[in-house]
Amino acid sequence: MNKDKKEYRLRFWKPDTQPLSGIDILLPAKGRATVMIKKGDVFHFGVFRSKGEAASLGKGGGPIVN
């Protein structure tokens, strides 16, 4: 859930790969996104401004494990 008035990108990537090889998902301003992964999958993640700037929140990392 994004309570900010600006949108962000959520970047997900597999362990032992570069973050740039992952996928980006838009988290809209004042919106939410649901991410589903297959059982047994593992991803790291980062939160970035949508305009291509450096990581903005210092949150993320992971891993997310299902």
Protein backbone atom coordinates (compact mmCIF):
# COMPACT_ATOMS: atom_id res chain seq x y z
CA MET A 1 0.00 0.00 0.00
CA ASN A 2 1.33 3.42 -0.98
CA LYS A 3 0.06 6.29 1.16
CA ASP A 4 2.31 8.82 -0.62
CA LYS A 5 1.18 11.24 -3.30
CA LYS A 6 3.84 9.91 -5.69
CA GLU A 7 4.22 6.60 -7.48
CA TYR A 8 7.08 4.15 -7.00
CA ARG A 9 8.58 1.17 -8.81
CA LEU A 10 8.92 -2.13 -6.99
CA ARG A 11 11.81 -4.09 -8.52
CA PHE A 12 11.98 -7.87 -7.99
CA TRP A 13 14.94 -10.06 -8.97
CA LYS A 14 16.14 -13.59 -8.35
CA PRO A 15 19.01 -14.25 -5.91
CA ASP A 16 22.44 -14.46 -7.57
CA THR A 17 21.31 -12.17 -10.43
CA GLN A 18 21.73 -8.44 -10.98
CA PRO A 19 18.82 -6.17 -9.95
CA LEU A 20 18.68 -4.81 -13.51
CA SER A 21 17.74 -8.30 -14.72
CA GLY A 22 14.54 -8.20 -12.64
CA ILE A 23 11.09 -6.83 -13.32
CA ASP A 24 9.54 -3.53 -12.22
CA ILE A 25 5.96 -3.18 -11.03
CA LEU A 26 4.26 0.20 -10.65
CA LEU A 27 2.93 1.07 -7.21
CA PRO A 28 0.55 3.97 -7.95
CA ALA A 29 0.24 7.06 -5.78
CA LYS A 30 -2.35 6.43 -3.06
CA GLY A 31 -2.72 2.90 -4.47
CA ARG A 32 -1.71 -0.68 -3.85
CA ALA A 33 -0.31 -3.66 -5.71
CA THR A 34 -0.44 -7.37 -5.02
CA VAL A 35 2.47 -9.57 -6.09
CA MET A 36 2.00 -13.32 -6.40
CA ILE A 37 4.88 -15.77 -6.77
CA LYS A 38 4.98 -19.52 -7.25
CA LYS A 39 5.51 -21.80 -4.27
CA GLY A 40 9.23 -22.21 -3.64
CA ASP A 41 10.28 -19.08 -5.57
CA VAL A 42 12.57 -16.53 -3.91
CA PHE A 43 13.01 -12.88 -4.92
CA HIS A 44 14.90 -9.86 -3.61
CA PHE A 45 13.23 -6.47 -4.00
CA GLY A 46 13.84 -2.74 -3.91
CA VAL A 47 11.67 0.39 -3.88
CA PHE A 48 12.54 3.14 -6.37
CA ARG A 49 11.02 6.42 -7.51
CA SER A 50 9.15 5.93 -10.76
CA LYS A 51 11.17 8.61 -12.57
CA GLY A 52 14.36 6.52 -12.62
CA GLU A 53 16.06 8.11 -9.62
CA ALA A 54 18.14 6.21 -7.08
CA ALA A 55 16.45 4.11 -4.40
CA SER A 56 14.30 6.46 -2.41
CA LEU A 57 13.18 4.68 0.74
CA GLY A 58 16.07 2.49 1.73
CA LYS A 59 13.56 -0.31 2.27
CA GLY A 60 13.39 -3.67 0.61
CA GLY A 61 15.96 -6.32 0.13
CA GLY A 62 14.15 -9.54 0.77
CA PRO A 63 14.20 -12.23 0.21
CA ILE A 64 10.52 -12.80 -0.39
CA VAL A 65 9.91 -16.53 -0.12
CA ASN A 66 6.72 -18.41 -0.89
